[in-house]
Amino acid sequence: MTAPSPLRVVLADDERMVRTALRAILSAEPDLEVVGEAATGAEAVSVVRDRRPDVVLMDVRMPEIDGIRATEQILATVDAPPRIVVVTTFENDSYVYDALRAGAAGFLLKRADAEALVQAVRLVARTDTLLFPSAVRSLAVRHARAHPAPPAWVARLTGRESEVLRHMAAGLTNAEIAARMAVGAATVKTHVAGVLAKTGARDRTQAVIAAYEAGFLRGEP
């Protein structure tokens, strides 16, 4: 049996030492391949367009354009865009929250150990779960810009979609949600698609962020 192709990763950080450390950790894994590096946000957009990675590890504070704008540009202009993970020094940084709202799939602290880094890359590329749900919840509770009234999409959620959204926020995969709700995986996939359509989200992370901002989720696990 032919082994699957390695996951292709681009590193975007203005500190060369950080990129070197990340490259050393990822390159030691047989299923991961670093295919490009960028020192600025603008360079990150260019490298992603050229190298077509599966995952981008994106610093949020970089010269020219920051990681938030770079994330927006990549997701808006690249066909089949990569999953973007923000790599940050500060867990409660408002820049990180803005990057998640812009479409980043999750975030990782620069002080995270090598195992957590590798697992995060594999998780966002190969599974349908939310990356570090408790950290996303903490960030959302601190920074969510609540609407004066719940947006219209909240009332349009079906009971099943509401249940699925809560499970998504807890970090459950589609298979785990199916088992919890005693339904088929295809049914869960349909409900997830309904949640994304009604919240206007491109992925689970944006849907969960929208749910916190709408007051649908209030910090519960």
Protein backbone atom coordinates (compact mmCIF):
# COMPACT_ATOMS: atom_id res chain seq x y z
CA MET A 1 0.00 0.00 0.00
CA THR A 2 1.32 3.42 -0.96
CA ALA A 3 1.92 5.71 2.01
CA PRO A 4 -0.12 8.96 2.01
CA SER A 5 1.68 12.08 0.90
CA PRO A 6 3.12 14.17 3.74
CA LEU A 7 1.13 17.16 4.92
CA ARG A 8 2.59 20.30 3.38
CA VAL A 9 3.25 23.15 5.83
CA VAL A 10 4.24 26.80 5.37
CA LEU A 11 5.80 28.74 8.26
CA ALA A 12 5.08 32.48 8.52
CA ASP A 13 6.93 34.37 11.28
CA ASP A 14 9.18 37.42 11.20
CA GLU A 15 11.66 35.79 13.59
CA ARG A 16 14.10 33.48 11.82
CA MET A 17 14.85 31.57 15.03
CA VAL A 18 11.16 30.75 15.48
CA ARG A 19 10.89 29.49 11.90
CA THR A 20 14.06 27.43 12.34
CA ALA A 21 12.73 25.82 15.52
CA LEU A 22 9.35 25.06 13.94
CA ARG A 23 11.00 23.60 10.85
CA ALA A 24 13.22 21.33 12.96
CA ILE A 25 10.25 19.97 14.92
CA LEU A 26 8.01 19.39 11.91
CA SER A 27 10.70 18.02 9.62
CA ALA A 28 11.45 15.27 12.13
CA GLU A 29 7.99 13.80 11.43
CA PRO A 30 7.71 11.52 8.38
CA ASP A 31 4.17 12.67 7.59
CA LEU A 32 4.95 16.41 7.67
CA GLU A 33 6.91 18.48 5.16
CA VAL A 34 7.81 22.18 5.44
CA VAL A 35 7.48 23.50 1.90
CA GLY A 36 8.00 27.21 2.44
CA GLU A 37 8.74 30.06 4.85
CA ALA A 38 7.71 33.72 5.04
CA ALA A 39 8.97 36.61 7.16
CA THR A 40 6.10 39.03 6.45
CA GLY A 41 2.36 38.78 5.95
CA ALA A 42 2.63 39.79 2.30
CA GLU A 43 5.30 37.17 1.73
CA ALA A 44 3.09 34.57 3.43
CA VAL A 45 0.30 35.20 0.93
CA SER A 46 2.74 34.87 -1.98
CA VAL A 47 4.36 31.69 -0.63
CA VAL A 48 0.97 30.06 -0.02
CA ARG A 49 -0.17 30.83 -3.55
CA ASP A 50 3.02 29.34 -4.94
CA ARG A 51 3.50 26.32 -2.68
CA ARG A 52 -0.15 25.31 -2.01
CA PRO A 53 0.34 23.94 1.53
CA ASP A 54 -2.21 22.02 3.57
CA VAL A 55 -1.50 24.01 6.73
CA VAL A 56 0.00 27.44 7.49
CA LEU A 57 1.47 28.29 10.89
CA MET A 58 0.90 32.04 10.97
CA ASP A 59 2.33 34.62 13.36
CA VAL A 60 -0.18 37.44 13.89
CA ARG A 61 2.27 40.31 14.30
CA MET A 62 4.44 40.68 11.21
CA PRO A 63 5.68 43.56 9.02
CA GLU A 64 3.90 44.89 5.90
CA ILE A 65 0.59 43.21 6.63
CA ASP A 66 -0.16 41.32 9.82
CA GLY A 67 -1.29 37.74 10.14
CA ILE A 68 -4.94 38.75 10.29
CA ARG A 69 -4.88 40.49 6.91
CA ALA A 70 -2.72 37.72 5.48
CA THR A 71 -5.27 35.15 6.66
CA GLU A 72 -8.10 37.11 5.05
CA GLN A 73 -6.24 37.43 1.77
CA ILE A 74 -5.29 33.76 1.62
CA LEU A 75 -8.82 32.57 2.33
CA ALA A 76 -10.32 35.04 -0.15
CA THR A 77 -7.94 34.52 -3.07
CA VAL A 78 -6.54 30.97 -2.92
CA ASP A 79 -8.56 28.12 -4.39
CA ALA A 80 -8.98 25.29 -1.86
CA PRO A 81 -7.12 27.38 0.75
CA PRO A 82 -5.02 25.78 3.49
CA ARG A 83 -5.99 25.54 7.11
CA ILE A 84 -4.38 28.38 9.03
CA VAL A 85 -3.23 28.04 12.63
CA VAL A 86 -2.19 31.21 14.43
CA VAL A 87 1.00 30.84 16.45
CA THR A 88 1.13 33.42 19.21
CA THR A 89 2.97 34.43 22.37
CA PHE A 90 -0.11 35.66 24.21
CA GLU A 91 -3.14 33.40 24.68
CA ASN A 92 -5.62 36.23 25.24
CA ASP A 93 -4.31 38.53 22.53
CA SER A 94 -7.09 40.38 20.71
CA TYR A 95 -5.08 39.86 17.51
CA VAL A 96 -5.58 36.12 17.90
CA TYR A 97 -9.31 36.54 18.33
CA ASP A 98 -9.47 38.73 15.24
CA ALA A 99 -7.54 36.09 13.30
CA LEU A 100 -10.07 33.43 14.34
CA ARG A 101 -12.90 35.71 13.25
CA ALA A 102 -11.08 36.18 9.94
CA GLY A 103 -11.04 32.45 9.32
CA ALA A 104 -8.05 30.92 11.10
CA ALA A 105 -8.80 27.35 12.15
CA GLY A 106 -7.32 27.77 15.61
CA PHE A 107 -4.33 28.99 17.55
CA LEU A 108 -1.26 27.59 19.26
CA LEU A 109 1.02 29.17 21.83
CA LYS A 110 4.68 29.56 20.88
CA ARG A 111 5.64 27.97 24.18
CA ALA A 112 3.73 24.79 23.30
CA ASP A 113 5.85 21.67 23.29
CA ALA A 114 6.82 19.80 20.15
CA GLU A 115 4.16 17.11 20.59
CA ALA A 116 1.37 19.69 20.86
CA LEU A 117 2.64 21.46 17.74
CA VAL A 118 2.74 18.29 15.67
CA GLN A 119 -0.67 17.16 16.91
CA ALA A 120 -2.19 20.55 16.10
CA VAL A 121 -0.97 20.41 12.50
CA ARG A 122 -2.31 16.90 12.03
CA LEU A 123 -5.59 17.73 13.75
CA VAL A 124 -6.53 20.72 11.64
CA ALA A 125 -5.50 19.03 8.41
CA ARG A 126 -6.99 15.60 8.90
CA THR A 127 -9.97 15.82 11.25
CA ASP A 128 -13.22 17.72 11.59
CA THR A 129 -12.80 18.76 15.21
CA LEU A 130 -12.24 22.16 16.79
CA LEU A 131 -8.61 22.81 17.75
CA PHE A 132 -8.22 23.31 21.52
CA PRO A 133 -11.90 24.08 22.27
CA SER A 134 -11.31 25.22 25.86
CA ALA A 135 -8.75 27.78 24.68
CA VAL A 136 -11.13 29.05 21.98
CA ARG A 137 -13.89 29.29 24.59
CA SER A 138 -11.68 31.28 26.97
CA LEU A 139 -10.63 33.64 24.19
CA ALA A 140 -14.19 34.13 22.95
CA VAL A 141 -15.57 34.84 26.42
CA ARG A 142 -12.90 37.48 26.92
CA HIS A 143 -13.10 39.16 23.52
CA ALA A 144 -16.49 38.39 21.95
CA ARG A 145 -18.21 41.52 20.65
CA ALA A 146 -21.75 40.74 21.66
CA HIS A 147 -24.65 41.85 19.49
CA PRO A 148 -27.30 44.07 21.18
CA ALA A 149 -29.83 41.39 20.20
CA PRO A 150 -29.33 37.84 18.96
CA PRO A 151 -28.84 37.76 15.19
CA ALA A 152 -31.61 36.24 13.08
CA TRP A 153 -29.71 33.02 12.44
CA VAL A 154 -30.11 31.92 16.07
CA ALA A 155 -33.88 31.58 15.67
CA ARG A 156 -33.44 29.73 12.38
CA LEU A 157 -31.41 26.90 13.92
CA THR A 158 -33.33 23.69 14.30
CA GLY A 159 -33.20 21.84 17.59
CA ARG A 160 -30.81 19.30 16.15
CA GLU A 161 -28.57 22.02 14.67
CA SER A 162 -28.45 23.75 18.04
CA GLU A 163 -27.38 20.51 19.69
CA VAL A 164 -24.75 19.89 17.04
CA LEU A 165 -23.37 23.42 17.43
CA ARG A 166 -22.92 22.89 21.16
CA HIS A 167 -21.11 19.62 20.50
CA MET A 168 -18.90 21.36 17.93
CA ALA A 169 -17.97 23.97 20.54
CA ALA A 170 -16.99 21.16 22.92
CA GLY A 171 -14.53 19.86 20.32
CA LEU A 172 -16.36 16.69 19.30
CA THR A 173 -15.75 15.20 15.87
CA ASN A 174 -18.63 14.30 13.57
CA ALA A 175 -18.24 10.65 14.55
CA GLU A 176 -18.35 11.53 18.25
CA ILE A 177 -21.39 13.75 17.74
CA ALA A 178 -23.13 10.95 15.86
CA ALA A 179 -22.49 8.56 18.73
CA ARG A 180 -23.65 11.10 21.32
CA MET A 181 -26.87 11.86 19.42
CA ALA A 182 -27.47 8.27 18.26
CA VAL A 183 -27.71 9.26 14.61
CA GLY A 184 -25.70 8.47 11.50
CA ALA A 185 -22.54 10.32 10.50
CA ALA A 186 -24.24 11.53 7.31
CA THR A 187 -27.00 13.12 9.40
CA VAL A 188 -24.46 14.95 11.53
CA LYS A 189 -22.67 16.16 8.41
CA THR A 190 -25.97 17.57 7.13
CA HIS A 191 -26.60 19.36 10.44
CA VAL A 192 -23.06 20.79 10.46
CA ALA A 193 -23.59 22.09 6.92
CA GLY A 194 -26.83 23.71 8.10
CA VAL A 195 -25.05 25.37 11.02
CA LEU A 196 -22.30 26.75 8.77
CA ALA A 197 -24.82 28.06 6.24
CA LYS A 198 -27.00 29.78 8.85
CA THR A 199 -24.11 31.32 10.77
CA GLY A 200 -22.37 32.37 7.55
CA ALA A 201 -19.23 30.58 8.74
CA ARG A 202 -16.64 28.92 6.55
CA ASP A 203 -15.70 26.35 9.18
CA ARG A 204 -16.38 25.10 12.68
CA THR A 205 -14.16 27.65 14.39
CA GLN A 206 -15.96 30.61 12.84
CA ALA A 207 -19.33 29.04 13.65
CA VAL A 208 -18.36 28.61 17.30
CA ILE A 209 -17.02 32.17 17.49
CA ALA A 210 -20.30 33.42 15.99
CA ALA A 211 -22.23 31.40 18.58
CA TYR A 212 -20.38 33.05 21.45
CA GLU A 213 -20.85 36.51 19.97
CA ALA A 214 -24.57 35.85 19.50
CA GLY A 215 -24.96 34.77 23.11
CA PHE A 216 -25.97 31.29 21.97
CA LEU A 217 -22.97 29.99 23.88
CA ARG A 218 -22.05 31.69 27.15
CA GLY A 219 -18.83 30.06 28.20
CA GLU A 220 -20.20 26.61 29.00
CA PRO A 221 -18.08 23.65 27.85
